[in-house]
């Protein structure tokens, strides 16, 4: 799925996997941002992809982190 934009929601930050987990449970979910430059994953999707705190950020991208752990948002080449 996709089409989300945290600016429209007035969050002042990217959403988190925990927020998505609350409505998706154990079903892996990957949502592209409206502009195509980011994606939002829940914990089940990150687990299925093997993404952990030790996952390196690729050149040209960014894995958003909270407390050193992936938050669920992946930017550009990190997608």
C-alpha atoms as a PDB file:
ATOM      1  CA  UNK A   1       0.000   0.000   0.000  1.00  0.00           C
ATOM      2  CA  UNK A   2       1.008   3.586   0.215  1.00  0.00           C
ATOM      3  CA  UNK A   3       0.175   7.233  -0.134  1.00  0.00           C
ATOM      4  CA  UNK A   4       0.941   8.307   3.428  1.00  0.00           C
ATOM      5  CA  UNK A   5       2.392  11.716   4.271  1.00  0.00           C
ATOM      6  CA  UNK A   6       3.224  12.561   7.865  1.00  0.00           C
ATOM      7  CA  UNK A   7       3.200  16.280   7.023  1.00  0.00           C
ATOM      8  CA  UNK A   8      -0.548  16.089   6.342  1.00  0.00           C
ATOM      9  CA  UNK A   9      -1.060  14.350   9.689  1.00  0.00           C
ATOM     10  CA  UNK A  10       0.734  17.163  11.551  1.00  0.00           C
ATOM     11  CA  UNK A  11       3.013  14.731  13.404  1.00  0.00           C
ATOM     12  CA  UNK A  12       6.177  16.785  13.055  1.00  0.00           C
ATOM     13  CA  UNK A  13       8.044  13.477  12.682  1.00  0.00           C
ATOM     14  CA  UNK A  14       7.972  10.223  10.768  1.00  0.00           C
ATOM     15  CA  UNK A  15       5.510   7.563  11.969  1.00  0.00           C
ATOM     16  CA  UNK A  16       6.848   4.450  13.701  1.00  0.00           C
ATOM     17  CA  UNK A  17       6.572   0.702  13.263  1.00  0.00           C
ATOM     18  CA  UNK A  18       4.907   0.535  16.690  1.00  0.00           C
ATOM     19  CA  UNK A  19       2.093   2.772  15.469  1.00  0.00           C
ATOM     20  CA  UNK A  20       1.592   0.560  12.421  1.00  0.00           C
ATOM     21  CA  UNK A  21       1.858  -2.598  14.556  1.00  0.00           C
ATOM     22  CA  UNK A  22      -1.139  -1.417  16.568  1.00  0.00           C
ATOM     23  CA  UNK A  23      -3.403  -1.852  13.537  1.00  0.00           C
ATOM     24  CA  UNK A  24      -1.632  -4.616  11.565  1.00  0.00           C
ATOM     25  CA  UNK A  25      -0.526  -7.125  14.191  1.00  0.00           C
ATOM     26  CA  UNK A  26       1.770  -9.864  12.856  1.00  0.00           C
ATOM     27  CA  UNK A  27       0.928  -9.293   9.175  1.00  0.00           C
ATOM     28  CA  UNK A  28       3.981  -7.810   7.361  1.00  0.00           C
ATOM     29  CA  UNK A  29       3.079  -4.391   5.954  1.00  0.00           C
ATOM     30  CA  UNK A  30       5.124  -2.069   3.689  1.00  0.00           C
ATOM     31  CA  UNK A  31       3.678   1.316   2.731  1.00  0.00           C
ATOM     32  CA  UNK A  32       5.291   3.724   0.267  1.00  0.00           C
ATOM     33  CA  UNK A  33       5.185   7.425   1.082  1.00  0.00           C
ATOM     34  CA  UNK A  34       3.181   9.652  -1.280  1.00  0.00           C
ATOM     35  CA  UNK A  35       6.352  11.102  -2.859  1.00  0.00           C
ATOM     36  CA  UNK A  36       8.066   7.724  -3.335  1.00  0.00           C
ATOM     37  CA  UNK A  37      11.122   8.776  -1.297  1.00  0.00           C
ATOM     38  CA  UNK A  38      10.317   6.801   1.842  1.00  0.00           C
ATOM     39  CA  UNK A  39       8.504   3.692   3.008  1.00  0.00           C
ATOM     40  CA  UNK A  40       6.978   2.700   6.341  1.00  0.00           C
ATOM     41  CA  UNK A  41       7.235  -0.874   7.598  1.00  0.00           C
ATOM     42  CA  UNK A  42       5.761  -2.567  10.608  1.00  0.00           C
ATOM     43  CA  UNK A  43       7.784  -4.823  12.917  1.00  0.00           C
ATOM     44  CA  UNK A  44       6.664  -8.009  11.137  1.00  0.00           C
ATOM     45  CA  UNK A  45       7.932  -6.685   7.786  1.00  0.00           C
ATOM     46  CA  UNK A  46      11.271  -5.644   9.286  1.00  0.00           C
ATOM     47  CA  UNK A  47      11.641  -9.059  10.928  1.00  0.00           C
ATOM     48  CA  UNK A  48      10.834 -10.842   7.648  1.00  0.00           C
ATOM     49  CA  UNK A  49      13.443  -8.696   5.863  1.00  0.00           C
ATOM     50  CA  UNK A  50      16.065  -9.313   8.559  1.00  0.00           C
ATOM     51  CA  UNK A  51      16.337  -5.631   9.484  1.00  0.00           C
ATOM     52  CA  UNK A  52      17.879  -5.126  12.937  1.00  0.00           C
ATOM     53  CA  UNK A  53      19.750  -2.445  14.847  1.00  0.00           C
ATOM     54  CA  UNK A  54      22.928  -3.844  13.252  1.00  0.00           C
ATOM     55  CA  UNK A  55      21.648  -3.375   9.686  1.00  0.00           C
ATOM     56  CA  UNK A  56      23.920  -0.826   7.980  1.00  0.00           C
ATOM     57  CA  UNK A  57      22.385   2.139   6.208  1.00  0.00           C
ATOM     58  CA  UNK A  58      23.143   1.911   2.485  1.00  0.00           C
ATOM     59  CA  UNK A  59      24.778   4.738   0.552  1.00  0.00           C
ATOM     60  CA  UNK A  60      22.159   7.134  -0.734  1.00  0.00           C
ATOM     61  CA  UNK A  61      19.592   6.173   1.857  1.00  0.00           C
ATOM     62  CA  UNK A  62      18.691   6.319   5.509  1.00  0.00           C
ATOM     63  CA  UNK A  63      17.140   3.953   8.019  1.00  0.00           C
ATOM     64  CA  UNK A  64      15.344   6.108  10.563  1.00  0.00           C
ATOM     65  CA  UNK A  65      16.138   5.026  14.117  1.00  0.00           C
ATOM     66  CA  UNK A  66      14.742   5.630  17.585  1.00  0.00           C
ATOM     67  CA  UNK A  67      16.984   4.685  20.477  1.00  0.00           C
ATOM     68  CA  UNK A  68      19.415   3.036  18.039  1.00  0.00           C
ATOM     69  CA  UNK A  69      16.767   0.678  16.625  1.00  0.00           C
ATOM     70  CA  UNK A  70      15.082   0.938  13.211  1.00  0.00           C
ATOM     71  CA  UNK A  71      11.879   2.937  13.633  1.00  0.00           C
ATOM     72  CA  UNK A  72      10.140   1.518  10.575  1.00  0.00           C
ATOM     73  CA  UNK A  73      10.864   4.291   8.072  1.00  0.00           C
ATOM     74  CA  UNK A  74      13.303   3.771   5.226  1.00  0.00           C
ATOM     75  CA  UNK A  75      14.380   6.657   2.998  1.00  0.00           C
ATOM     76  CA  UNK A  76      15.502   6.503  -0.647  1.00  0.00           C
ATOM     77  CA  UNK A  77      18.130   3.754  -1.228  1.00  0.00           C
ATOM     78  CA  UNK A  78      17.352   2.174   2.147  1.00  0.00           C
ATOM     79  CA  UNK A  79      13.994   1.090   0.735  1.00  0.00           C
END
